[in-house]
Full PDB file with SEQRES, HELIX, SHEET, SSBOND, CRYST1, ORIGX, SCALE, CONECT and MASTER records, all heavy atoms in Angstrom:
SEQRES   1 A   42  ARG ASP ASN ALA LYS ASN MET VAL TYR LEU GLN MET ASN          
SEQRES   2 A   42  SER LEU LYS PRO GLU ASP THR ALA VAL TYR PHE CYS ALA          
SEQRES   3 A   42  ALA ARG GLY SER PRO GLY SER ASP TYR ILE SER ARG SER          
SEQRES   4 A   42  ARG TYR GLU                                                  
HELIX    1 AA1 PRO A   17  ASP A   19  5                                   3    
CRYST1    1.000    1.000    1.000  90.00  90.00  90.00 P 1           1          
ORIGX1      1.000000  0.000000  0.000000        0.00000                         
ORIGX2      0.000000  1.000000  0.000000        0.00000                         
ORIGX3      0.000000  0.000000  1.000000        0.00000                         
SCALE1      1.000000  0.000000  0.000000        0.00000                         
SCALE2      0.000000  1.000000  0.000000        0.00000                         
SCALE3      0.000000  0.000000  1.000000        0.00000                         
ATOM      1  N   ARG A   1      97.487  97.629  91.782  1.00  0.00           N  
ATOM      2  CA  ARG A   1      97.209  96.277  91.351  1.00  0.00           C  
ATOM      3  C   ARG A   1      98.054  95.300  92.094  1.00  0.00           C  
ATOM      4  O   ARG A   1      99.183  95.626  92.529  1.00  0.00           O  
ATOM      5  CB  ARG A   1      97.402  96.070  89.851  1.00  0.00           C  
ATOM      6  CG  ARG A   1      98.830  96.240  89.380  1.00  0.00           C  
ATOM      7  CD  ARG A   1      98.839  96.351  87.844  1.00  0.00           C  
ATOM      8  NE  ARG A   1      98.365  95.115  87.167  1.00  0.00           N  
ATOM      9  CZ  ARG A   1      97.955  95.086  85.921  1.00  0.00           C  
ATOM     10  NH1 ARG A   1      97.919  96.145  85.158  1.00  0.00           N  
ATOM     11  NH2 ARG A   1      97.528  93.938  85.423  1.00  0.00           N  
ATOM     12  N   ASP A   2      97.554  94.044  92.221  1.00  0.00           N  
ATOM     13  CA  ASP A   2      98.341  92.952  92.806  1.00  0.00           C  
ATOM     14  C   ASP A   2      98.177  91.780  91.795  1.00  0.00           C  
ATOM     15  O   ASP A   2      97.140  91.070  91.841  1.00  0.00           O  
ATOM     16  CB  ASP A   2      97.778  92.577  94.140  1.00  0.00           C  
ATOM     17  CG  ASP A   2      98.572  91.526  94.887  1.00  0.00           C  
ATOM     18  OD1 ASP A   2      99.272  90.757  94.204  1.00  0.00           O  
ATOM     19  OD2 ASP A   2      98.568  91.495  96.146  1.00  0.00           O  
ATOM     20  N   ASN A   3      99.136  91.669  90.937  1.00  0.00           N  
ATOM     21  CA  ASN A   3      98.983  90.588  89.913  1.00  0.00           C  
ATOM     22  C   ASN A   3      98.955  89.229  90.458  1.00  0.00           C  
ATOM     23  O   ASN A   3      98.358  88.311  89.924  1.00  0.00           O  
ATOM     24  CB  ASN A   3     100.130  90.740  88.932  1.00  0.00           C  
ATOM     25  CG  ASN A   3      99.974  91.945  87.949  1.00  0.00           C  
ATOM     26  OD1 ASN A   3      98.847  92.448  87.834  1.00  0.00           O  
ATOM     27  ND2 ASN A   3     100.991  92.352  87.338  1.00  0.00           N  
ATOM     28  N   ALA A   4      99.633  88.980  91.612  1.00  0.00           N  
ATOM     29  CA  ALA A   4      99.656  87.672  92.264  1.00  0.00           C  
ATOM     30  C   ALA A   4      98.248  87.280  92.700  1.00  0.00           C  
ATOM     31  O   ALA A   4      97.937  86.113  92.703  1.00  0.00           O  
ATOM     32  CB  ALA A   4     100.613  87.677  93.387  1.00  0.00           C  
ATOM     33  N   LYS A   5      97.464  88.296  93.117  1.00  0.00           N  
ATOM     34  CA  LYS A   5      96.131  88.028  93.565  1.00  0.00           C  
ATOM     35  C   LYS A   5      95.038  88.266  92.422  1.00  0.00           C  
ATOM     36  O   LYS A   5      93.849  88.109  92.701  1.00  0.00           O  
ATOM     37  CB  LYS A   5      95.755  88.936  94.784  1.00  0.00           C  
ATOM     38  CG  LYS A   5      96.583  88.610  96.022  1.00  0.00           C  
ATOM     39  CD  LYS A   5      96.159  89.513  97.179  1.00  0.00           C  
ATOM     40  CE  LYS A   5      96.995  89.144  98.447  1.00  0.00           C  
ATOM     41  NZ  LYS A   5      96.588  90.021  99.561  1.00  0.00           N  
ATOM     42  N   ASN A   6      95.529  88.709  91.327  1.00  0.00           N  
ATOM     43  CA  ASN A   6      94.631  89.003  90.161  1.00  0.00           C  
ATOM     44  C   ASN A   6      93.600  90.095  90.548  1.00  0.00           C  
ATOM     45  O   ASN A   6      92.442  89.974  90.234  1.00  0.00           O  
ATOM     46  CB  ASN A   6      93.911  87.736  89.778  1.00  0.00           C  
ATOM     47  CG  ASN A   6      94.153  87.277  88.362  1.00  0.00           C  
ATOM     48  OD1 ASN A   6      94.939  87.919  87.708  1.00  0.00           O  
ATOM     49  ND2 ASN A   6      93.464  86.288  87.881  1.00  0.00           N  
ATOM     50  N   MET A   7      94.144  91.114  91.249  1.00  0.00           N  
ATOM     51  CA  MET A   7      93.188  92.163  91.745  1.00  0.00           C  
ATOM     52  C   MET A   7      93.740  93.553  91.327  1.00  0.00           C  
ATOM     53  O   MET A   7      94.960  93.803  91.211  1.00  0.00           O  
ATOM     54  CB  MET A   7      93.214  92.138  93.249  1.00  0.00           C  
ATOM     55  CG  MET A   7      92.578  90.854  93.825  1.00  0.00           C  
ATOM     56  SD  MET A   7      90.819  90.733  93.651  1.00  0.00           S  
ATOM     57  CE  MET A   7      90.228  92.158  94.626  1.00  0.00           C  
ATOM     58  N   VAL A   8      92.805  94.401  91.132  1.00  0.00           N  
ATOM     59  CA  VAL A   8      93.047  95.849  90.900  1.00  0.00           C  
ATOM     60  C   VAL A   8      92.191  96.688  91.900  1.00  0.00           C  
ATOM     61  O   VAL A   8      91.064  96.288  92.205  1.00  0.00           O  
ATOM     62  CB  VAL A   8      92.730  96.331  89.476  1.00  0.00           C  
ATOM     63  CG1 VAL A   8      93.053  97.798  89.228  1.00  0.00           C  
ATOM     64  CG2 VAL A   8      93.477  95.451  88.468  1.00  0.00           C  
ATOM     65  N   TYR A   9      92.768  97.811  92.409  1.00  0.00           N  
ATOM     66  CA  TYR A   9      92.077  98.558  93.420  1.00  0.00           C  
ATOM     67  C   TYR A   9      91.997 100.020  93.020  1.00  0.00           C  
ATOM     68  O   TYR A   9      92.855 100.485  92.250  1.00  0.00           O  
ATOM     69  CB  TYR A   9      92.844  98.457  94.726  1.00  0.00           C  
ATOM     70  CG  TYR A   9      93.037  97.034  95.208  1.00  0.00           C  
ATOM     71  CD1 TYR A   9      94.300  96.414  95.031  1.00  0.00           C  
ATOM     72  CD2 TYR A   9      92.073  96.320  95.811  1.00  0.00           C  
ATOM     73  CE1 TYR A   9      94.513  95.115  95.414  1.00  0.00           C  
ATOM     74  CE2 TYR A   9      92.315  94.991  96.261  1.00  0.00           C  
ATOM     75  CZ  TYR A   9      93.533  94.413  96.070  1.00  0.00           C  
ATOM     76  OH  TYR A   9      93.722  93.085  96.436  1.00  0.00           O  
ATOM     77  N   LEU A  10      91.043 100.687  93.541  1.00  0.00           N  
ATOM     78  CA  LEU A  10      90.935 102.119  93.432  1.00  0.00           C  
ATOM     79  C   LEU A  10      90.638 102.732  94.775  1.00  0.00           C  
ATOM     80  O   LEU A  10      89.547 102.560  95.303  1.00  0.00           O  
ATOM     81  CB  LEU A  10      89.832 102.574  92.431  1.00  0.00           C  
ATOM     82  CG  LEU A  10      89.758 104.068  92.142  1.00  0.00           C  
ATOM     83  CD1 LEU A  10      90.991 104.518  91.355  1.00  0.00           C  
ATOM     84  CD2 LEU A  10      88.501 104.437  91.375  1.00  0.00           C  
ATOM     85  N   GLN A  11      91.687 103.347  95.381  1.00  0.00           N  
ATOM     86  CA  GLN A  11      91.503 104.017  96.672  1.00  0.00           C  
ATOM     87  C   GLN A  11      91.007 105.433  96.398  1.00  0.00           C  
ATOM     88  O   GLN A  11      91.676 106.185  95.693  1.00  0.00           O  
ATOM     89  CB  GLN A  11      92.829 104.062  97.397  1.00  0.00           C  
ATOM     90  CG  GLN A  11      92.771 104.740  98.706  1.00  0.00           C  
ATOM     91  CD  GLN A  11      91.878 104.073  99.756  1.00  0.00           C  
ATOM     92  OE1 GLN A  11      91.956 102.878  99.864  1.00  0.00           O  
ATOM     93  NE2 GLN A  11      91.117 104.858 100.488  1.00  0.00           N  
ATOM     94  N   MET A  12      89.922 105.762  96.943  1.00  0.00           N  
ATOM     95  CA  MET A  12      89.278 107.079  96.762  1.00  0.00           C  
ATOM     96  C   MET A  12      89.221 107.796  98.049  1.00  0.00           C  
ATOM     97  O   MET A  12      88.549 107.361  99.017  1.00  0.00           O  
ATOM     98  CB  MET A  12      87.863 106.894  96.159  1.00  0.00           C  
ATOM     99  CG  MET A  12      87.851 106.043  94.853  1.00  0.00           C  
ATOM    100  SD  MET A  12      86.280 105.989  94.059  1.00  0.00           S  
ATOM    101  CE  MET A  12      85.319 105.070  95.300  1.00  0.00           C  
ATOM    102  N   ASN A  13      89.851 108.974  98.145  1.00  0.00           N  
ATOM    103  CA  ASN A  13      89.879 109.761  99.312  1.00  0.00           C  
ATOM    104  C   ASN A  13      89.154 111.120  99.041  1.00  0.00           C  
ATOM    105  O   ASN A  13      89.042 111.509  97.881  1.00  0.00           O  
ATOM    106  CB  ASN A  13      91.273 110.018  99.791  1.00  0.00           C  
ATOM    107  CG  ASN A  13      92.015 108.741 100.170  1.00  0.00           C  
ATOM    108  OD1 ASN A  13      91.387 107.783 100.669  1.00  0.00           O  
ATOM    109  ND2 ASN A  13      93.267 108.698  99.984  1.00  0.00           N  
ATOM    110  N   SER A  14      88.761 111.839 100.106  1.00  0.00           N  
ATOM    111  CA  SER A  14      88.214 113.091  99.960  1.00  0.00           C  
ATOM    112  C   SER A  14      87.031 113.131  98.927  1.00  0.00           C  
ATOM    113  O   SER A  14      87.044 113.965  98.008  1.00  0.00           O  
ATOM    114  CB  SER A  14      89.263 114.173  99.605  1.00  0.00           C  
ATOM    115  OG  SER A  14      90.277 114.207 100.543  1.00  0.00           O  
ATOM    116  N   LEU A  15      86.197 112.196  99.038  1.00  0.00           N  
ATOM    117  CA  LEU A  15      85.121 112.012  98.081  1.00  0.00           C  
ATOM    118  C   LEU A  15      84.193 113.237  98.019  1.00  0.00           C  
ATOM    119  O   LEU A  15      83.918 113.865  99.026  1.00  0.00           O  
ATOM    120  CB  LEU A  15      84.325 110.784  98.334  1.00  0.00           C  
ATOM    121  CG  LEU A  15      85.028 109.450  97.888  1.00  0.00           C  
ATOM    122  CD1 LEU A  15      84.440 108.260  98.571  1.00  0.00           C  
ATOM    123  CD2 LEU A  15      84.901 109.311  96.373  1.00  0.00           C  
ATOM    124  N   LYS A  16      83.728 113.561  96.830  1.00  0.00           N  
ATOM    125  CA  LYS A  16      82.825 114.650  96.633  1.00  0.00           C  
ATOM    126  C   LYS A  16      81.502 114.190  95.972  1.00  0.00           C  
ATOM    127  O   LYS A  16      81.491 113.111  95.346  1.00  0.00           O  
ATOM    128  CB  LYS A  16      83.500 115.669  95.606  1.00  0.00           C  
ATOM    129  CG  LYS A  16      84.875 116.127  96.052  1.00  0.00           C  
ATOM    130  CD  LYS A  16      85.488 116.989  94.973  1.00  0.00           C  
ATOM    131  CE  LYS A  16      86.860 117.504  95.334  1.00  0.00           C  
ATOM    132  NZ  LYS A  16      87.497 118.347  94.268  1.00  0.00           N  
ATOM    133  N   PRO A  17      80.474 114.936  96.139  1.00  0.00           N  
ATOM    134  CA  PRO A  17      79.180 114.505  95.525  1.00  0.00           C  
ATOM    135  C   PRO A  17      79.332 114.242  93.997  1.00  0.00           C  
ATOM    136  O   PRO A  17      78.629 113.366  93.453  1.00  0.00           O  
ATOM    137  CB  PRO A  17      78.235 115.702  95.861  1.00  0.00           C  
ATOM    138  CG  PRO A  17      78.790 116.238  97.127  1.00  0.00           C  
ATOM    139  CD  PRO A  17      80.289 116.110  97.048  1.00  0.00           C  
ATOM    140  N   GLU A  18      80.170 115.059  93.360  1.00  0.00           N  
ATOM    141  CA  GLU A  18      80.344 114.835  91.905  1.00  0.00           C  
ATOM    142  C   GLU A  18      81.054 113.552  91.579  1.00  0.00           C  
ATOM    143  O   GLU A  18      81.248 113.264  90.311  1.00  0.00           O  
ATOM    144  CB  GLU A  18      81.072 116.062  91.256  1.00  0.00           C  
ATOM    145  CG  GLU A  18      82.339 116.491  91.945  1.00  0.00           C  
ATOM    146  CD  GLU A  18      82.116 117.625  92.971  1.00  0.00           C  
ATOM    147  OE1 GLU A  18      81.153 117.549  93.739  1.00  0.00           O  
ATOM    148  OE2 GLU A  18      82.979 118.550  93.015  1.00  0.00           O  
ATOM    149  N   ASP A  19      81.563 112.842  92.511  1.00  0.00           N  
ATOM    150  CA  ASP A  19      82.221 111.531  92.231  1.00  0.00           C  
ATOM    151  C   ASP A  19      81.086 110.435  92.200  1.00  0.00           C  
ATOM    152  O   ASP A  19      81.427 109.285  91.874  1.00  0.00           O  
ATOM    153  CB  ASP A  19      83.160 111.217  93.383  1.00  0.00           C  
ATOM    154  CG  ASP A  19      84.380 112.074  93.383  1.00  0.00           C  
ATOM    155  OD1 ASP A  19      84.954 112.432  92.322  1.00  0.00           O  
ATOM    156  OD2 ASP A  19      84.808 112.467  94.503  1.00  0.00           O  
ATOM    157  N   THR A  20      79.900 110.802  92.487  1.00  0.00           N  
ATOM    158  CA  THR A  20      78.809 109.796  92.418  1.00  0.00           C  
ATOM    159  C   THR A  20      78.657 109.274  90.956  1.00  0.00           C  
ATOM    160  O   THR A  20      78.509 110.013  89.995  1.00  0.00           O  
ATOM    161  CB  THR A  20      77.481 110.461  92.828  1.00  0.00           C  
ATOM    162  OG1 THR A  20      77.559 110.783  94.210  1.00  0.00           O  
ATOM    163  CG2 THR A  20      76.309 109.510  92.621  1.00  0.00           C  
ATOM    164  N   ALA A  21      78.733 107.975  90.840  1.00  0.00           N  
ATOM    165  CA  ALA A  21      78.658 107.281  89.515  1.00  0.00           C  
ATOM    166  C   ALA A  21      78.713 105.780  89.733  1.00  0.00           C  
ATOM    167  O   ALA A  21      78.974 105.299  90.828  1.00  0.00           O  
ATOM    168  CB  ALA A  21      79.835 107.750  88.630  1.00  0.00           C  
ATOM    169  N   VAL A  22      78.486 105.053  88.615  1.00  0.00           N  
ATOM    170  CA  VAL A  22      78.825 103.678  88.574  1.00  0.00           C  
ATOM    171  C   VAL A  22      80.238 103.564  88.100  1.00  0.00           C  
ATOM    172  O   VAL A  22      80.680 104.181  87.109  1.00  0.00           O  
ATOM    173  CB  VAL A  22      77.906 102.923  87.632  1.00  0.00           C  
ATOM    174  CG1 VAL A  22      78.295 101.407  87.534  1.00  0.00           C  
ATOM    175  CG2 VAL A  22      76.410 103.035  88.033  1.00  0.00           C  
ATOM    176  N   TYR A  23      81.053 102.836  88.830  1.00  0.00           N  
ATOM    177  CA  TYR A  23      82.474 102.681  88.566  1.00  0.00           C  
ATOM    178  C   TYR A  23      82.746 101.337  87.927  1.00  0.00           C  
ATOM    179  O   TYR A  23      82.271 100.295  88.456  1.00  0.00           O  
ATOM    180  CB  TYR A  23      83.354 102.828  89.798  1.00  0.00           C  
ATOM    181  CG  TYR A  23      83.433 104.284  90.253  1.00  0.00           C  
ATOM    182  CD1 TYR A  23      82.346 104.991  90.768  1.00  0.00           C  
ATOM    183  CD2 TYR A  23      84.650 104.976  90.095  1.00  0.00           C  
ATOM    184  CE1 TYR A  23      82.466 106.314  91.150  1.00  0.00           C  
ATOM    185  CE2 TYR A  23      84.784 106.286  90.452  1.00  0.00           C  
ATOM    186  CZ  TYR A  23      83.675 106.964  90.984  1.00  0.00           C  
ATOM    187  OH  TYR A  23      83.809 108.265  91.278  1.00  0.00           O  
ATOM    188  N   PHE A  24      83.444 101.329  86.831  1.00  0.00           N  
ATOM    189  CA  PHE A  24      83.691 100.108  86.079  1.00  0.00           C  
ATOM    190  C   PHE A  24      85.233  99.872  86.029  1.00  0.00           C  
ATOM    191  O   PHE A  24      85.994 100.797  85.847  1.00  0.00           O  
ATOM    192  CB  PHE A  24      83.271 100.321  84.618  1.00  0.00           C  
ATOM    193  CG  PHE A  24      81.776 100.510  84.465  1.00  0.00           C  
ATOM    194  CD1 PHE A  24      81.215 101.763  84.507  1.00  0.00           C  
ATOM    195  CD2 PHE A  24      80.963  99.373  84.307  1.00  0.00           C  
ATOM    196  CE1 PHE A  24      79.835 101.940  84.343  1.00  0.00           C  
ATOM    197  CE2 PHE A  24      79.568  99.530  84.146  1.00  0.00           C  
ATOM    198  CZ  PHE A  24      79.005 100.815  84.228  1.00  0.00           C  
ATOM    199  N   CYS A  25      85.562  98.590  86.075  1.00  0.00           N  
ATOM    200  CA  CYS A  25      86.913  98.189  85.890  1.00  0.00           C  
ATOM    201  C   CYS A  25      87.037  97.641  84.462  1.00  0.00           C  
ATOM    202  O   CYS A  25      86.112  97.004  83.925  1.00  0.00           O  
ATOM    203  CB  CYS A  25      87.215  97.053  86.875  1.00  0.00           C  
ATOM    204  SG  CYS A  25      88.833  96.235  86.691  1.00  0.00           S  
ATOM    205  N   ALA A  26      88.171  97.885  83.816  1.00  0.00           N  
ATOM    206  CA  ALA A  26      88.362  97.516  82.439  1.00  0.00           C  
ATOM    207  C   ALA A  26      89.753  97.015  82.197  1.00  0.00           C  
ATOM    208  O   ALA A  26      90.710  97.452  82.851  1.00  0.00           O  
ATOM    209  CB  ALA A  26      88.047  98.689  81.504  1.00  0.00           C  
ATOM    210  N   ALA A  27      89.925  96.146  81.157  1.00  0.00           N  
ATOM    211  CA  ALA A  27      91.233  95.623  80.811  1.00  0.00           C  
ATOM    212  C   ALA A  27      91.512  95.779  79.363  1.00  0.00           C  
ATOM    213  O   ALA A  27      90.618  95.683  78.512  1.00  0.00           O  
ATOM    214  CB  ALA A  27      91.270  94.119  81.222  1.00  0.00           C  
ATOM    215  N   ARG A  28      92.780  96.022  79.069  1.00  0.00           N  
ATOM    216  CA  ARG A  28      93.249  96.212  77.688  1.00  0.00           C  
ATOM    217  C   ARG A  28      94.539  95.481  77.487  1.00  0.00           C  
ATOM    218  O   ARG A  28      95.482  95.603  78.267  1.00  0.00           O  
ATOM    219  CB  ARG A  28      93.452  97.675  77.415  1.00  0.00           C  
ATOM    220  CG  ARG A  28      94.072  98.012  76.098  1.00  0.00           C  
ATOM    221  CD  ARG A  28      94.150  99.541  75.898  1.00  0.00           C  
ATOM    222  NE  ARG A  28      94.740  99.816  74.613  1.00  0.00           N  
ATOM    223  CZ  ARG A  28      95.990 100.213  74.432  1.00  0.00           C  
ATOM    224  NH1 ARG A  28      96.745 100.273  75.447  1.00  0.00           N  
ATOM    225  NH2 ARG A  28      96.438 100.509  73.240  1.00  0.00           N  
ATOM    226  N   GLY A  29      94.567  94.600  76.494  1.00  0.00           N  
ATOM    227  CA  GLY A  29      95.791  93.871  76.229  1.00  0.00           C  
ATOM    228  C   GLY A  29      96.905  94.786  75.819  1.00  0.00           C  
ATOM    229  O   GLY A  29      96.660  95.741  75.127  1.00  0.00           O  
ATOM    230  N   SER A  30      98.146  94.546  76.320  1.00  0.00           N  
ATOM    231  CA  SER A  30      99.183  95.497  76.112  1.00  0.00           C  
ATOM    232  C   SER A  30     100.538  94.825  75.805  1.00  0.00           C  
ATOM    233  O   SER A  30     101.547  95.032  76.425  1.00  0.00           O  
ATOM    234  CB  SER A  30      99.365  96.297  77.356  1.00  0.00           C  
ATOM    235  OG  SER A  30      99.817  95.533  78.459  1.00  0.00           O  
ATOM    236  N   PRO A  31     100.581  93.967  74.819  1.00  0.00           N  
ATOM    237  CA  PRO A  31     101.765  93.247  74.516  1.00  0.00           C  
ATOM    238  C   PRO A  31     102.844  94.267  74.067  1.00  0.00           C  
ATOM    239  O   PRO A  31     102.732  94.917  73.091  1.00  0.00           O  
ATOM    240  CB  PRO A  31     101.404  92.282  73.337  1.00  0.00           C  
ATOM    241  CG  PRO A  31     100.172  92.875  72.754  1.00  0.00           C  
ATOM    242  CD  PRO A  31      99.441  93.568  73.875  1.00  0.00           C  
ATOM    243  N   GLY A  32     103.909  94.356  74.860  1.00  0.00           N  
ATOM    244  CA  GLY A  32     105.000  95.283  74.530  1.00  0.00           C  
ATOM    245  C   GLY A  32     104.756  96.729  74.700  1.00  0.00           C  
ATOM    246  O   GLY A  32     105.584  97.523  74.220  1.00  0.00           O  
ATOM    247  N   SER A  33     103.628  97.093  75.312  1.00  0.00           N  
ATOM    248  CA  SER A  33     103.337  98.494  75.463  1.00  0.00           C  
ATOM    249  C   SER A  33     102.920  98.897  76.823  1.00  0.00           C  
ATOM    250  O   SER A  33     102.248  98.098  77.512  1.00  0.00           O  
ATOM    251  CB  SER A  33     102.195  98.859  74.465  1.00  0.00           C  
ATOM    252  OG  SER A  33     101.740 100.166  74.711  1.00  0.00           O  
ATOM    253  N   ASP A  34     103.262 100.051  77.263  1.00  0.00           N  
ATOM    254  CA  ASP A  34     102.798 100.588  78.573  1.00  0.00           C  
ATOM    255  C   ASP A  34     101.938 101.824  78.372  1.00  0.00           C  
ATOM    256  O   ASP A  34     101.855 102.648  79.286  1.00  0.00           O  
ATOM    257  CB  ASP A  34     103.997 100.869  79.516  1.00  0.00           C  
ATOM    258  CG  ASP A  34     104.458  99.634  80.242  1.00  0.00           C  
ATOM    259  OD1 ASP A  34     103.726  98.660  80.244  1.00  0.00           O  
ATOM    260  OD2 ASP A  34     105.591  99.684  80.761  1.00  0.00           O  
ATOM    261  N   TYR A  35     101.299 102.000  77.228  1.00  0.00           N  
ATOM    262  CA  TYR A  35     100.450 103.105  76.939  1.00  0.00           C  
ATOM    263  C   TYR A  35      99.126 102.960  77.691  1.00  0.00           C  
ATOM    264  O   TYR A  35      98.405 102.019  77.434  1.00  0.00           O  
ATOM    265  CB  TYR A  35     100.291 103.282  75.476  1.00  0.00           C  
ATOM    266  CG  TYR A  35      99.253 104.354  75.098  1.00  0.00           C  
ATOM    267  CD1 TYR A  35      99.440 105.625  75.365  1.00  0.00           C  
ATOM    268  CD2 TYR A  35      98.068 103.997  74.476  1.00  0.00           C  
ATOM    269  CE1 TYR A  35      98.541 106.597  75.088  1.00  0.00           C  
ATOM    270  CE2 TYR A  35      97.099 104.914  74.137  1.00  0.00           C  
ATOM    271  CZ  TYR A  35      97.326 106.237  74.465  1.00  0.00           C  
ATOM    272  OH  TYR A  35      96.378 107.168  74.123  1.00  0.00           O  
ATOM    273  N   ILE A  36      98.807 103.875  78.559  1.00  0.00           N  
ATOM    274  CA  ILE A  36      97.542 103.850  79.267  1.00  0.00           C  
ATOM    275  C   ILE A  36      96.510 104.713  78.540  1.00  0.00           C  
ATOM    276  O   ILE A  36      96.614 105.940  78.555  1.00  0.00           O  
ATOM    277  CB  ILE A  36      97.717 104.354  80.710  1.00  0.00           C  
ATOM    278  CG1 ILE A  36      98.716 103.522  81.537  1.00  0.00           C  
ATOM    279  CG2 ILE A  36      96.335 104.351  81.447  1.00  0.00           C  
ATOM    280  CD1 ILE A  36      98.987 104.062  82.870  1.00  0.00           C  
ATOM    281  N   SER A  37      95.653 104.041  77.818  1.00  0.00           N  
ATOM    282  CA  SER A  37      94.656 104.775  77.007  1.00  0.00           C  
ATOM    283  C   SER A  37      93.525 105.318  77.886  1.00  0.00           C  
ATOM    284  O   SER A  37      93.083 104.605  78.877  1.00  0.00           O  
ATOM    285  CB  SER A  37      94.082 103.910  75.963  1.00  0.00           C  
ATOM    286  OG  SER A  37      92.989 104.536  75.312  1.00  0.00           O  
ATOM    287  N   ARG A  38      93.079 106.530  77.626  1.00  0.00           N  
ATOM    288  CA  ARG A  38      91.943 107.072  78.299  1.00  0.00           C  
ATOM    289  C   ARG A  38      90.601 106.837  77.547  1.00  0.00           C  
ATOM    290  O   ARG A  38      89.549 107.314  77.985  1.00  0.00           O  
ATOM    291  CB  ARG A  38      92.180 108.559  78.551  1.00  0.00           C  
ATOM    292  CG  ARG A  38      93.237 108.878  79.571  1.00  0.00           C  
ATOM    293  CD  ARG A  38      93.559 110.346  79.575  1.00  0.00           C  
ATOM    294  NE  ARG A  38      94.264 110.759  78.442  1.00  0.00           N  
ATOM    295  CZ  ARG A  38      94.584 112.042  78.110  1.00  0.00           C  
ATOM    296  NH1 ARG A  38      94.159 112.999  78.893  1.00  0.00           N  
ATOM    297  NH2 ARG A  38      95.285 112.318  77.045  1.00  0.00           N  
ATOM    298  N   SER A  39      90.701 106.200  76.422  1.00  0.00           N  
ATOM    299  CA  SER A  39      89.481 105.936  75.646  1.00  0.00           C  
ATOM    300  C   SER A  39      88.819 104.660  76.005  1.00  0.00           C  
ATOM    301  O   SER A  39      89.437 103.607  75.998  1.00  0.00           O  
ATOM    302  CB  SER A  39      89.869 105.933  74.156  1.00  0.00           C  
ATOM    303  OG  SER A  39      88.788 105.462  73.400  1.00  0.00           O  
ATOM    304  N   ARG A  40      87.546 104.697  76.318  1.00  0.00           N  
ATOM    305  CA  ARG A  40      86.844 103.534  76.728  1.00  0.00           C  
ATOM    306  C   ARG A  40      86.809 102.482  75.565  1.00  0.00           C  
ATOM    307  O   ARG A  40      86.693 101.307  75.779  1.00  0.00           O  
ATOM    308  CB  ARG A  40      85.362 103.907  77.086  1.00  0.00           C  
ATOM    309  CG  ARG A  40      84.604 104.568  76.003  1.00  0.00           C  
ATOM    310  CD  ARG A  40      83.202 104.908  76.377  1.00  0.00           C  
ATOM    311  NE  ARG A  40      82.428 103.681  76.401  1.00  0.00           N  
ATOM    312  CZ  ARG A  40      81.047 103.611  76.491  1.00  0.00           C  
ATOM    313  NH1 ARG A  40      80.392 104.772  76.636  1.00  0.00           N  
ATOM    314  NH2 ARG A  40      80.402 102.508  76.551  1.00  0.00           N  
ATOM    315  N   TYR A  41      86.892 102.968  74.344  1.00  0.00           N  
ATOM    316  CA  TYR A  41      86.779 102.129  73.147  1.00  0.00           C  
ATOM    317  C   TYR A  41      88.014 101.208  72.971  1.00  0.00           C  
ATOM    318  O   TYR A  41      87.969 100.276  72.176  1.00  0.00           O  
ATOM    319  CB  TYR A  41      86.529 102.921  71.927  1.00  0.00           C  
ATOM    320  CG  TYR A  41      85.250 103.762  72.084  1.00  0.00           C  
ATOM    321  CD1 TYR A  41      85.237 105.092  72.319  1.00  0.00           C  
ATOM    322  CD2 TYR A  41      84.005 103.127  71.996  1.00  0.00           C  
ATOM    323  CE1 TYR A  41      84.053 105.856  72.480  1.00  0.00           C  
ATOM    324  CE2 TYR A  41      82.796 103.811  72.197  1.00  0.00           C  
ATOM    325  CZ  TYR A  41      82.863 105.133  72.421  1.00  0.00           C  
ATOM    326  OH  TYR A  41      81.705 105.884  72.548  1.00  0.00           O  
ATOM    327  N   GLU A  42      89.089 101.495  73.638  1.00  0.00           N  
ATOM    328  CA  GLU A  42      90.296 100.662  73.602  1.00  0.00           C  
ATOM    329  C   GLU A  42      90.393  99.613  74.651  1.00  0.00           C  
ATOM    330  O   GLU A  42      91.398  98.937  74.765  1.00  0.00           O  
ATOM    331  CB  GLU A  42      91.516 101.623  73.618  1.00  0.00           C  
ATOM    332  CG  GLU A  42      91.577 102.572  72.424  1.00  0.00           C  
ATOM    333  CD  GLU A  42      92.932 103.284  72.234  1.00  0.00           C  
ATOM    334  OE1 GLU A  42      93.909 102.754  72.833  1.00  0.00           O  
ATOM    335  OE2 GLU A  42      92.984 104.264  71.565  1.00  0.00           O  
TER     336      GLU A  42                                                      
MASTER        0    0    0    1    0    0    0    6  335    1    0    4          
END                                                                             
């Protein structure tokens, strides 16, 4: 991420056919926390 530019990136190397998908960016408010949730519902 580059907070100064308000950007997030995903560098993908050695791509495989099983990586085929629609890719979504998502944001979660994190006041005082650095917990990276793997749940889409959060």
